C-alpha atoms as a PDB file:
ATOM      1  CA  MET A   1     -33.155 -47.949  47.265  1.00  0.00           C
ATOM      2  CA  HIS A   2     -34.447 -45.588  44.786  1.00  0.00           C
ATOM      3  CA  GLY A   3     -31.207 -42.619  45.475  1.00  0.00           C
ATOM      4  CA  PRO A   4     -29.052 -42.674  48.896  1.00  0.00           C
ATOM      5  CA  GLU A   5     -31.329 -41.224  51.437  1.00  0.00           C
ATOM      6  CA  ILE A   6     -28.965 -38.418  53.747  1.00  0.00           C
ATOM      7  CA  ARG A   7     -29.229 -41.916  56.748  1.00  0.00           C
ATOM      8  CA  HIS A   8     -27.372 -43.320  54.435  1.00  0.00           C
ATOM      9  CA  LEU A   9     -24.633 -40.505  53.983  1.00  0.00           C
ATOM     10  CA  ARG A  10     -24.650 -40.396  57.522  1.00  0.00           C
ATOM     11  CA  TYR A  11     -24.205 -44.329  58.316  1.00  0.00           C
ATOM     12  CA  PHE A  12     -21.161 -44.182  55.508  1.00  0.00           C
ATOM     13  CA  VAL A  13     -19.132 -40.739  56.819  1.00  0.00           C
ATOM     14  CA  ALA A  14     -19.090 -43.111  60.334  1.00  0.00           C
ATOM     15  CA  VAL A  15     -17.753 -46.337  58.926  1.00  0.00           C
ATOM     16  CA  ALA A  16     -15.430 -43.921  56.175  1.00  0.00           C
ATOM     17  CA  GLU A  17     -13.804 -41.569  59.543  1.00  0.00           C
ATOM     18  CA  GLU A  18     -13.703 -44.578  61.950  1.00  0.00           C
ATOM     19  CA  LEU A  19     -12.772 -47.087  59.273  1.00  0.00           C
ATOM     20  CA  SER A  20     -14.323 -49.710  61.669  1.00  0.00           C
ATOM     21  CA  PHE A  21     -17.834 -51.207  61.745  1.00  0.00           C
ATOM     22  CA  SER A  22     -17.703 -51.808  65.260  1.00  0.00           C
ATOM     23  CA  LYS A  23     -16.770 -48.052  66.179  1.00  0.00           C
ATOM     24  CA  ALA A  24     -18.847 -46.969  63.784  1.00  0.00           C
ATOM     25  CA  ALA A  25     -22.126 -48.885  64.847  1.00  0.00           C
ATOM     26  CA  ILE A  26     -21.372 -47.260  69.084  1.00  0.00           C
ATOM     27  CA  ARG A  27     -20.855 -43.845  67.524  1.00  0.00           C
ATOM     28  CA  LEU A  28     -24.429 -43.912  65.504  1.00  0.00           C
ATOM     29  CA  HIS A  29     -25.776 -45.959  68.598  1.00  0.00           C
ATOM     30  CA  MET A  30     -26.623 -49.510  66.402  1.00  0.00           C
ATOM     31  CA  SER A  31     -25.802 -52.688  65.929  1.00  0.00           C
ATOM     32  CA  GLN A  32     -23.089 -53.295  63.567  1.00  0.00           C
ATOM     33  CA  PRO A  33     -25.631 -55.859  61.116  1.00  0.00           C
ATOM     34  CA  PRO A  34     -27.629 -53.426  60.135  1.00  0.00           C
ATOM     35  CA  LEU A  35     -24.960 -50.998  59.661  1.00  0.00           C
ATOM     36  CA  SER A  36     -22.884 -52.959  57.829  1.00  0.00           C
ATOM     37  CA  GLN A  37     -26.494 -53.932  55.486  1.00  0.00           C
ATOM     38  CA  GLN A  38     -27.060 -50.543  54.844  1.00  0.00           C
ATOM     39  CA  ILE A  39     -23.748 -49.802  53.769  1.00  0.00           C
ATOM     40  CA  LYS A  40     -23.600 -53.005  51.072  1.00  0.00           C
ATOM     41  CA  ALA A  41     -27.623 -51.627  49.639  1.00  0.00           C
ATOM     42  CA  LEU A  42     -25.702 -48.242  49.189  1.00  0.00           C
ATOM     43  CA  GLU A  43     -23.379 -49.394  47.378  1.00  0.00           C
ATOM     44  CA  ASP A  44     -25.610 -51.776  45.121  1.00  0.00           C
ATOM     45  CA  ASP A  45     -27.416 -48.248  44.950  1.00  0.00           C
ATOM     46  CA  LEU A  46     -24.369 -46.487  43.405  1.00  0.00           C
ATOM     47  CA  GLY A  47     -23.327 -49.083  41.577  1.00  0.00           C
ATOM     48  CA  VAL A  48     -19.514 -48.404  42.917  1.00  0.00           C
ATOM     49  CA  GLN A  49     -17.331 -49.776  45.232  1.00  0.00           C
ATOM     50  CA  LEU A  50     -16.925 -47.489  48.559  1.00  0.00           C
ATOM     51  CA  LEU A  51     -14.718 -49.829  50.803  1.00  0.00           C
ATOM     52  CA  GLU A  52     -12.283 -52.592  50.677  1.00  0.00           C
ATOM     53  CA  ARG A  53     -13.530 -54.955  53.281  1.00  0.00           C
ATOM     54  CA  SER A  54     -11.055 -57.563  55.258  1.00  0.00           C
ATOM     55  CA  ARG A  55     -11.177 -59.017  58.063  1.00  0.00           C
ATOM     56  CA  ARG A  56      -8.849 -56.931  59.313  1.00  0.00           C
ATOM     57  CA  ASP A  57      -9.756 -53.646  58.510  1.00  0.00           C
ATOM     58  CA  VAL A  58     -11.512 -51.220  56.636  1.00  0.00           C
ATOM     59  CA  GLN A  59      -9.865 -48.871  53.921  1.00  0.00           C
ATOM     60  CA  LEU A  60     -11.763 -46.311  51.255  1.00  0.00           C
ATOM     61  CA  THR A  61     -11.576 -46.912  47.618  1.00  0.00           C
ATOM     62  CA  GLU A  62     -10.872 -44.296  45.661  1.00  0.00           C
ATOM     63  CA  ALA A  63     -14.484 -43.664  44.595  1.00  0.00           C
ATOM     64  CA  GLY A  64     -15.306 -43.883  48.362  1.00  0.00           C
ATOM     65  CA  LYS A  65     -12.805 -40.776  49.033  1.00  0.00           C
ATOM     66  CA  ILE A  66     -14.453 -38.791  46.832  1.00  0.00           C
ATOM     67  CA  PHE A  67     -17.873 -39.890  47.851  1.00  0.00           C
ATOM     68  CA  LEU A  68     -17.006 -38.999  51.707  1.00  0.00           C
ATOM     69  CA  THR A  69     -16.132 -35.348  50.381  1.00  0.00           C
ATOM     70  CA  GLU A  70     -19.625 -34.865  48.783  1.00  0.00           C
ATOM     71  CA  SER A  71     -21.266 -36.569  52.141  1.00  0.00           C
ATOM     72  CA  ARG A  72     -19.789 -34.699  54.518  1.00  0.00           C
ATOM     73  CA  SER A  73     -20.291 -31.410  52.014  1.00  0.00           C
ATOM     74  CA  ILE A  74     -24.151 -32.653  51.614  1.00  0.00           C
ATOM     75  CA  LEU A  75     -24.289 -32.944  55.141  1.00  0.00           C
ATOM     76  CA  ALA A  76     -22.820 -29.559  56.040  1.00  0.00           C
ATOM     77  CA  SER A  77     -25.358 -28.143  53.853  1.00  0.00           C
ATOM     78  CA  LEU A  78     -28.399 -29.475  55.349  1.00  0.00           C
ATOM     79  CA  ARG A  79     -27.101 -28.641  59.374  1.00  0.00           C
ATOM     80  CA  SER A  80     -27.028 -25.221  58.235  1.00  0.00           C
ATOM     81  CA  ALA A  81     -30.905 -26.094  57.028  1.00  0.00           C
ATOM     82  CA  VAL A  82     -31.696 -27.423  60.222  1.00  0.00           C
ATOM     83  CA  GLY A  83     -29.803 -23.945  61.545  1.00  0.00           C
ATOM     84  CA  ALA A  84     -32.384 -22.223  59.156  1.00  0.00           C
ATOM     85  CA  THR A  85     -35.324 -24.303  60.704  1.00  0.00           C
ATOM     86  CA  ILE A  86     -34.304 -23.117  64.284  1.00  0.00           C
ATOM     87  CA  ARG A  87     -34.195 -19.932  63.436  1.00  0.00           C
ATOM     88  CA  ALA A  88     -37.343 -19.857  61.492  1.00  0.00           C
ATOM     89  CA  ALA A  89     -39.417 -21.386  63.931  1.00  0.00           C
ATOM     90  CA  ALA A  90     -37.883 -18.344  66.720  1.00  0.00           C
ATOM     91  CA  THR A  91     -38.942 -15.977  63.954  1.00  0.00           C
ATOM     92  CA  ASP A  92     -42.010 -16.942  62.633  1.00  0.00           C
ATOM     93  CA  GLY A  93     -40.501 -18.037  59.244  1.00  0.00           C
ATOM     94  CA  GLY A  94     -42.314 -20.283  56.498  1.00  0.00           C
ATOM     95  CA  ASN A  95     -40.546 -23.265  54.701  1.00  0.00           C
ATOM     96  CA  VAL A  96     -39.488 -23.207  51.382  1.00  0.00           C
ATOM     97  CA  ARG A  97     -39.218 -27.332  49.442  1.00  0.00           C
ATOM     98  CA  ILE A  98     -36.998 -27.007  46.639  1.00  0.00           C
ATOM     99  CA  GLY A  99     -36.064 -30.248  44.445  1.00  0.00           C
ATOM    100  CA  PHE A 100     -33.000 -30.736  42.056  1.00  0.00           C
ATOM    101  CA  VAL A 101     -31.612 -32.893  39.743  1.00  0.00           C
ATOM    102  CA  THR A 102     -27.919 -34.044  40.939  1.00  0.00           C
ATOM    103  CA  SER A 103     -25.796 -31.978  38.333  1.00  0.00           C
ATOM    104  CA  ALA A 104     -27.097 -28.895  39.551  1.00  0.00           C
ATOM    105  CA  LEU A 105     -25.707 -29.792  43.142  1.00  0.00           C
ATOM    106  CA  LEU A 106     -22.256 -29.145  41.663  1.00  0.00           C
ATOM    107  CA  HIS A 107     -23.081 -25.297  41.136  1.00  0.00           C
ATOM    108  CA  VAL A 108     -26.567 -24.082  41.356  1.00  0.00           C
ATOM    109  CA  LEU A 109     -27.545 -25.388  44.743  1.00  0.00           C
ATOM    110  CA  PRO A 110     -24.460 -23.693  46.553  1.00  0.00           C
ATOM    111  CA  ILE A 111     -25.679 -20.767  45.178  1.00  0.00           C
ATOM    112  CA  LEU A 112     -28.875 -20.739  45.768  1.00  0.00           C
ATOM    113  CA  LEU A 113     -28.145 -22.081  49.613  1.00  0.00           C
ATOM    114  CA  ASP A 114     -25.955 -19.090  50.147  1.00  0.00           C
ATOM    115  CA  ARG A 115     -28.283 -16.503  48.407  1.00  0.00           C
ATOM    116  CA  VAL A 116     -31.334 -17.469  50.101  1.00  0.00           C
ATOM    117  CA  SER A 117     -29.307 -17.449  53.711  1.00  0.00           C
ATOM    118  CA  LYS A 118     -28.737 -14.132  53.361  1.00  0.00           C
ATOM    119  CA  HIS A 119     -32.303 -12.363  51.511  1.00  0.00           C
ATOM    120  CA  PHE A 120     -34.496 -14.898  53.878  1.00  0.00           C
ATOM    121  CA  PRO A 121     -32.488 -16.048  57.192  1.00  0.00           C
ATOM    122  CA  GLU A 122     -35.387 -16.594  58.370  1.00  0.00           C
ATOM    123  CA  ILE A 123     -36.561 -19.044  56.145  1.00  0.00           C
ATOM    124  CA  GLU A 124     -36.443 -23.256  56.575  1.00  0.00           C
ATOM    125  CA  LEU A 125     -35.592 -24.494  53.605  1.00  0.00           C
ATOM    126  CA  SER A 126     -35.743 -28.482  52.755  1.00  0.00           C
ATOM    127  CA  ILE A 127     -33.695 -29.784  49.796  1.00  0.00           C
ATOM    128  CA  TYR A 128     -34.291 -32.907  47.486  1.00  0.00           C
ATOM    129  CA  ASP A 129     -32.059 -34.631  45.296  1.00  0.00           C
ATOM    130  CA  MET A 130     -34.874 -35.896  42.556  1.00  0.00           C
ATOM    131  CA  SER A 131     -35.164 -36.524  38.638  1.00  0.00           C
ATOM    132  CA  SER A 132     -36.817 -34.132  36.965  1.00  0.00           C
ATOM    133  CA  ARG A 133     -39.695 -36.397  36.597  1.00  0.00           C
ATOM    134  CA  ASP A 134     -39.983 -37.192  40.000  1.00  0.00           C
ATOM    135  CA  GLN A 135     -39.943 -33.445  40.433  1.00  0.00           C
ATOM    136  CA  VAL A 136     -42.641 -32.916  38.216  1.00  0.00           C
ATOM    137  CA  ASP A 137     -44.957 -35.544  40.163  1.00  0.00           C
ATOM    138  CA  ALA A 138     -44.128 -33.722  43.474  1.00  0.00           C
ATOM    139  CA  LEU A 139     -44.963 -30.499  42.229  1.00  0.00           C
ATOM    140  CA  MET A 140     -48.193 -31.472  40.832  1.00  0.00           C
ATOM    141  CA  GLN A 141     -49.169 -33.190  44.460  1.00  0.00           C
ATOM    142  CA  GLU A 142     -47.511 -29.829  45.993  1.00  0.00           C
ATOM    143  CA  ARG A 143     -44.769 -31.718  47.767  1.00  0.00           C
ATOM    144  CA  LEU A 144     -42.910 -29.029  46.589  1.00  0.00           C
ATOM    145  CA  ASP A 145     -42.969 -25.489  46.163  1.00  0.00           C
ATOM    146  CA  ILE A 146     -39.548 -25.278  43.405  1.00  0.00           C
ATOM    147  CA  GLY A 147     -38.460 -27.603  41.354  1.00  0.00           C
ATOM    148  CA  ILE A 148     -34.605 -27.627  39.255  1.00  0.00           C
ATOM    149  CA  VAL A 149     -34.989 -30.005  36.207  1.00  0.00           C
ATOM    150  CA  HIS A 150     -33.479 -30.619  32.958  1.00  0.00           C
ATOM    151  CA  SER A 151     -36.431 -30.168  30.935  1.00  0.00           C
ATOM    152  CA  ILE A 152     -39.459 -27.901  30.565  1.00  0.00           C
ATOM    153  CA  PRO A 153     -42.326 -29.892  31.125  1.00  0.00           C
ATOM    154  CA  ALA A 154     -45.401 -29.825  29.017  1.00  0.00           C
ATOM    155  CA  ILE A 155     -47.522 -28.513  31.835  1.00  0.00           C
ATOM    156  CA  SER A 156     -49.263 -25.167  30.620  1.00  0.00           C
ATOM    157  CA  ALA A 157     -50.044 -24.781  34.924  1.00  0.00           C
ATOM    158  CA  PHE A 158     -46.124 -24.397  35.512  1.00  0.00           C
ATOM    159  CA  ASN A 159     -43.920 -21.436  35.636  1.00  0.00           C
ATOM    160  CA  LYS A 160     -40.696 -21.970  33.816  1.00  0.00           C
ATOM    161  CA  LEU A 161     -37.400 -20.285  34.473  1.00  0.00           C
ATOM    162  CA  PRO A 162     -34.156 -20.822  32.368  1.00  0.00           C
ATOM    163  CA  ILE A 163     -31.627 -20.365  35.114  1.00  0.00           C
ATOM    164  CA  TYR A 164     -28.593 -22.273  33.941  1.00  0.00           C
ATOM    165  CA  SER A 165     -26.386 -24.001  30.963  1.00  0.00           C
ATOM    166  CA  GLU A 166     -22.954 -25.328  30.312  1.00  0.00           C
ATOM    167  CA  PRO A 167     -22.004 -27.619  27.609  1.00  0.00           C
ATOM    168  CA  PHE A 168     -21.153 -31.136  27.449  1.00  0.00           C
ATOM    169  CA  ILE A 169     -17.465 -32.518  27.777  1.00  0.00           C
ATOM    170  CA  LEU A 170     -15.719 -35.300  26.802  1.00  0.00           C
ATOM    171  CA  ALA A 171     -14.561 -37.744  29.501  1.00  0.00           C
ATOM    172  CA  ILE A 172     -12.036 -40.052  28.662  1.00  0.00           C
ATOM    173  CA  PRO A 173      -9.867 -42.679  30.925  1.00  0.00           C
ATOM    174  CA  ALA A 174      -6.192 -41.333  31.989  1.00  0.00           C
ATOM    175  CA  GLY A 175      -4.025 -43.029  29.236  1.00  0.00           C
ATOM    176  CA  HIS A 176      -6.665 -43.060  26.632  1.00  0.00           C
ATOM    177  CA  GLU A 177      -5.249 -42.149  23.451  1.00  0.00           C
ATOM    178  CA  LEU A 178      -7.304 -39.076  23.106  1.00  0.00           C
ATOM    179  CA  GLU A 179      -5.965 -37.502  25.942  1.00  0.00           C
ATOM    180  CA  HIS A 180      -2.932 -35.642  24.766  1.00  0.00           C
ATOM    181  CA  GLU A 181      -4.746 -34.419  21.385  1.00  0.00           C
ATOM    182  CA  GLU A 182      -4.976 -30.526  21.476  1.00  0.00           C
ATOM    183  CA  LYS A 183      -8.365 -30.386  18.888  1.00  0.00           C
ATOM    184  CA  ILE A 184     -10.736 -33.270  19.060  1.00  0.00           C
ATOM    185  CA  THR A 185     -13.433 -33.456  16.682  1.00  0.00           C
ATOM    186  CA  ALA A 186     -17.018 -35.540  16.627  1.00  0.00           C
ATOM    187  CA  ALA A 187     -15.333 -37.674  14.068  1.00  0.00           C
ATOM    188  CA  ASP A 188     -12.779 -38.419  16.385  1.00  0.00           C
ATOM    189  CA  LEU A 189     -15.624 -40.207  18.874  1.00  0.00           C
ATOM    190  CA  GLU A 190     -17.600 -41.948  16.133  1.00  0.00           C
ATOM    191  CA  LYS A 191     -15.501 -45.256  16.575  1.00  0.00           C
ATOM    192  CA  TYR A 192     -15.656 -45.437  20.374  1.00  0.00           C
ATOM    193  CA  ARG A 193     -18.215 -47.094  22.687  1.00  0.00           C
ATOM    194  CA  ILE A 194     -20.126 -44.148  24.793  1.00  0.00           C
ATOM    195  CA  ILE A 195     -21.201 -44.827  28.124  1.00  0.00           C
ATOM    196  CA  GLY A 196     -24.625 -43.118  28.530  1.00  0.00           C
ATOM    197  CA  PHE A 197     -27.038 -42.045  31.177  1.00  0.00           C
ATOM    198  CA  SER A 198     -29.849 -44.408  32.121  1.00  0.00           C
ATOM    199  CA  ARG A 199     -33.100 -43.859  30.009  1.00  0.00           C
ATOM    200  CA  GLU A 200     -35.547 -45.161  32.520  1.00  0.00           C
ATOM    201  CA  HIS A 201     -33.996 -42.838  35.632  1.00  0.00           C
ATOM    202  CA  SER A 202     -32.853 -39.846  33.973  1.00  0.00           C
ATOM    203  CA  PRO A 203     -34.807 -39.493  30.721  1.00  0.00           C
ATOM    204  CA  SER A 204     -33.907 -35.918  30.395  1.00  0.00           C
ATOM    205  CA  LEU A 205     -30.079 -36.002  30.912  1.00  0.00           C
ATOM    206  CA  TYR A 206     -30.021 -38.917  28.640  1.00  0.00           C
ATOM    207  CA  ASP A 207     -31.856 -36.952  25.624  1.00  0.00           C
ATOM    208  CA  ALA A 208     -29.847 -34.357  26.136  1.00  0.00           C
ATOM    209  CA  GLN A 209     -26.285 -36.494  26.265  1.00  0.00           C
ATOM    210  CA  LEU A 210     -27.966 -37.690  22.716  1.00  0.00           C
ATOM    211  CA  ALA A 211     -28.961 -34.301  21.518  1.00  0.00           C
ATOM    212  CA  CYS A 212     -25.320 -33.375  22.511  1.00  0.00           C
ATOM    213  CA  CYS A 213     -23.785 -36.143  20.574  1.00  0.00           C
ATOM    214  CA  LEU A 214     -26.096 -35.481  17.461  1.00  0.00           C
ATOM    215  CA  ALA A 215     -25.484 -31.756  17.458  1.00  0.00           C
ATOM    216  CA  LYS A 216     -21.633 -32.916  17.507  1.00  0.00           C
ATOM    217  CA  GLY A 217     -21.863 -34.484  14.110  1.00  0.00           C
ATOM    218  CA  PHE A 218     -22.066 -38.442  14.912  1.00  0.00           C
ATOM    219  CA  ARG A 219     -24.590 -40.998  16.383  1.00  0.00           C
ATOM    220  CA  PRO A 220     -23.135 -42.434  19.582  1.00  0.00           C
ATOM    221  CA  THR A 221     -22.775 -46.341  20.543  1.00  0.00           C
ATOM    222  CA  LEU A 222     -24.446 -46.163  24.006  1.00  0.00           C
ATOM    223  CA  VAL A 223     -23.331 -48.821  26.332  1.00  0.00           C
ATOM    224  CA  HIS A 224     -23.773 -49.577  30.030  1.00  0.00           C
ATOM    225  CA  GLN A 225     -26.223 -47.574  30.684  1.00  0.00           C
ATOM    226  CA  ALA A 226     -25.723 -45.580  34.152  1.00  0.00           C
ATOM    227  CA  ARG A 227     -27.566 -43.801  37.245  1.00  0.00           C
ATOM    228  CA  THR A 228     -25.125 -41.817  39.028  1.00  0.00           C
ATOM    229  CA  PRO A 229     -21.892 -39.657  37.343  1.00  0.00           C
ATOM    230  CA  PHE A 230     -19.703 -42.080  39.949  1.00  0.00           C
ATOM    231  CA  THR A 231     -20.983 -45.218  38.050  1.00  0.00           C
ATOM    232  CA  VAL A 232     -20.210 -43.607  34.920  1.00  0.00           C
ATOM    233  CA  PHE A 233     -16.485 -42.550  36.129  1.00  0.00           C
ATOM    234  CA  GLN A 234     -16.348 -46.201  36.934  1.00  0.00           C
ATOM    235  CA  LEU A 235     -17.047 -47.272  34.327  1.00  0.00           C
ATOM    236  CA  ILE A 236     -14.732 -45.662  32.119  1.00  0.00           C
ATOM    237  CA  ARG A 237     -12.191 -45.863  33.948  1.00  0.00           C
ATOM    238  CA  SER A 238     -12.215 -49.634  33.529  1.00  0.00           C
ATOM    239  CA  GLY A 239     -11.979 -49.398  30.466  1.00  0.00           C
ATOM    240  CA  LEU A 240     -15.379 -50.058  28.977  1.00  0.00           C
ATOM    241  CA  GLY A 241     -15.963 -46.886  27.226  1.00  0.00           C
ATOM    242  CA  ILE A 242     -15.831 -43.081  27.473  1.00  0.00           C
ATOM    243  CA  SER A 243     -19.033 -40.627  27.635  1.00  0.00           C
ATOM    244  CA  ILE A 244     -19.812 -36.951  26.849  1.00  0.00           C
ATOM    245  CA  VAL A 245     -21.041 -35.594  30.473  1.00  0.00           C
ATOM    246  CA  PRO A 246     -22.262 -32.019  31.728  1.00  0.00           C
ATOM    247  CA  LYS A 247     -19.268 -30.241  32.301  1.00  0.00           C
ATOM    248  CA  PRO A 248     -20.690 -29.532  36.212  1.00  0.00           C
ATOM    249  CA  TYR A 249     -19.930 -33.635  36.249  1.00  0.00           C
ATOM    250  CA  SER A 250     -15.577 -32.231  35.679  1.00  0.00           C
ATOM    251  CA  ARG A 251     -15.531 -30.697  39.092  1.00  0.00           C
ATOM    252  CA  LEU A 252     -15.672 -34.230  40.702  1.00  0.00           C
ATOM    253  CA  PRO A 253     -11.962 -34.784  41.155  1.00  0.00           C
ATOM    254  CA  PHE A 254     -12.639 -38.301  40.740  1.00  0.00           C
ATOM    255  CA  PRO A 255      -9.251 -40.061  40.080  1.00  0.00           C
ATOM    256  CA  GLY A 256      -8.320 -41.729  36.337  1.00  0.00           C
ATOM    257  CA  ILE A 257     -10.429 -39.545  34.493  1.00  0.00           C
ATOM    258  CA  VAL A 258      -9.429 -36.792  32.145  1.00  0.00           C
ATOM    259  CA  PHE A 259     -12.055 -33.980  30.847  1.00  0.00           C
ATOM    260  CA  LYS A 260     -11.588 -32.735  27.227  1.00  0.00           C
ATOM    261  CA  ASP A 261     -13.049 -29.815  25.475  1.00  0.00           C
ATOM    262  CA  VAL A 262     -14.743 -30.905  21.718  1.00  0.00           C
ATOM    263  CA  ASP A 263     -14.685 -28.699  18.714  1.00  0.00           C
ATOM    264  CA  ASN A 264     -17.734 -27.814  17.289  1.00  0.00           C
ATOM    265  CA  SER A 265     -20.161 -28.170  20.220  1.00  0.00           C
ATOM    266  CA  ALA A 266     -23.328 -27.329  20.114  1.00  0.00           C
ATOM    267  CA  GLY A 267     -25.416 -29.414  22.892  1.00  0.00           C
ATOM    268  CA  HIS A 268     -25.604 -27.710  26.441  1.00  0.00           C
ATOM    269  CA  LEU A 269     -27.095 -29.070  29.614  1.00  0.00           C
ATOM    270  CA  HIS A 270     -29.982 -26.750  30.311  1.00  0.00           C
ATOM    271  CA  LEU A 271     -31.339 -26.062  34.116  1.00  0.00           C
ATOM    272  CA  TYR A 272     -34.668 -24.438  34.559  1.00  0.00           C
ATOM    273  CA  ALA A 273     -36.300 -23.385  37.778  1.00  0.00           C
ATOM    274  CA  VAL A 274     -40.161 -24.226  37.753  1.00  0.00           C
ATOM    275  CA  TRP A 275     -42.835 -24.092  40.228  1.00  0.00           C
ATOM    276  CA  ARG A 276     -46.992 -23.203  40.034  1.00  0.00           C
ATOM    277  CA  ASP A 277     -47.649 -19.704  41.019  1.00  0.00           C
ATOM    278  CA  GLU A 278     -51.537 -20.550  41.560  1.00  0.00           C
ATOM    279  CA  VAL A 279     -50.168 -22.812  44.781  1.00  0.00           C
ATOM    280  CA  SER A 280     -46.738 -20.631  45.547  1.00  0.00           C
ATOM    281  CA  THR A 281     -47.297 -18.435  49.142  1.00  0.00           C
ATOM    282  CA  GLU A 282     -45.767 -14.460  49.211  1.00  0.00           C
ATOM    283  CA  LEU A 283     -42.734 -16.139  50.449  1.00  0.00           C
ATOM    284  CA  ILE A 284     -42.028 -18.562  47.747  1.00  0.00           C
ATOM    285  CA  LYS A 285     -42.811 -15.679  44.832  1.00  0.00           C
ATOM    286  CA  LYS A 286     -40.319 -13.421  47.246  1.00  0.00           C
ATOM    287  CA  VAL A 287     -37.633 -16.776  46.848  1.00  0.00           C
ATOM    288  CA  ILE A 288     -37.933 -16.630  43.072  1.00  0.00           C
ATOM    289  CA  ARG A 289     -37.876 -13.302  42.342  1.00  0.00           C
ATOM    290  CA  GLN A 290     -34.719 -12.325  44.842  1.00  0.00           C
ATOM    291  CA  VAL A 291     -32.991 -15.643  44.429  1.00  0.00           C
ATOM    292  CA  MET A 292     -33.698 -17.162  41.409  1.00  0.00           C
ATOM    293  CA  TYR A 293     -33.833 -13.948  38.915  1.00  0.00           C
ATOM    294  CA  GLU A 294     -31.174 -12.192  40.745  1.00  0.00           C
ATOM    295  CA  SER A 295     -28.752 -15.298  41.193  1.00  0.00           C
ATOM    296  CA  PHE A 296     -29.187 -16.278  37.436  1.00  0.00           C
ATOM    297  CA  VAL A 297     -31.513 -14.752  35.134  1.00  0.00           C
ATOM    298  CA  ASP A 298     -28.791 -12.617  34.475  1.00  0.00           C
ATOM    299  CA  HIS A 299     -25.914 -14.348  34.295  1.00  0.00           C
ATOM    300  CA  GLU A 300     -24.446 -15.665  30.613  1.00  0.00           C
ATOM    301  CA  PRO A 301     -24.492 -19.258  30.025  1.00  0.00           C
ATOM    302  CA  GLY A 302     -22.072 -21.265  31.528  1.00  0.00           C
ATOM    303  CA  ALA A 303     -20.629 -18.547  33.747  1.00  0.00           C
END
């Protein structure tokens, strides 16, 4: 798989709520073996065990509890989008396809969904969780209308709008020797192994993390590259290292993880809205003007 799909979230929520593969299969109108295979594939793709299985019962792991909360939130947003689709069909509305990187899910996307709903209730909004690189490809192929990415693509045909900026923050396991330090500097971090983001799957986030460490004054020893924040946190909790992560990730209440500010921070995670003006409809341009600009451009970085 190339990242969880909506159907995998639906399958997981059903199993998590029923705590039974057989009951969940009945609820989903499917047989149990394919359901079990899909859940196992989801765990493999995330690199995190979500369920504890035995012959007698099924229980959520701590990571599974967090993923259940996030999955329910995403599915609720999609139900809202479906409602907008129905309204759009009834009022001859339009469709806007928006891609977003995972870190935008925690702050930018909720604001965006709320403002679109208020300004354009007739719009059918389709959202896609994609890497920055995949969004650029999709925009070029006209499979997306607007992208929310980590880095500005060096393509003259694209319009670019900076919409959000937040600092990186230190993520350590509970009980770590730095947990109760009031002031943490770059020099304090040099001796630790840093869990990095996957350069293959998230090159922009990898580069931003490395640049952040260098801006703090140290060259990190990057180990155990991970594709998702869940994997990063699981590796940290397992004692395999610490990490510098975008501050929005600190909003995930992942058990066993403590977040700390680092002095002399010069590195930030930047998010940009990008679109191709020459293929944008008037509706898309209105969304950019009345939602993107009004929601984000006048905000101070990190606000």
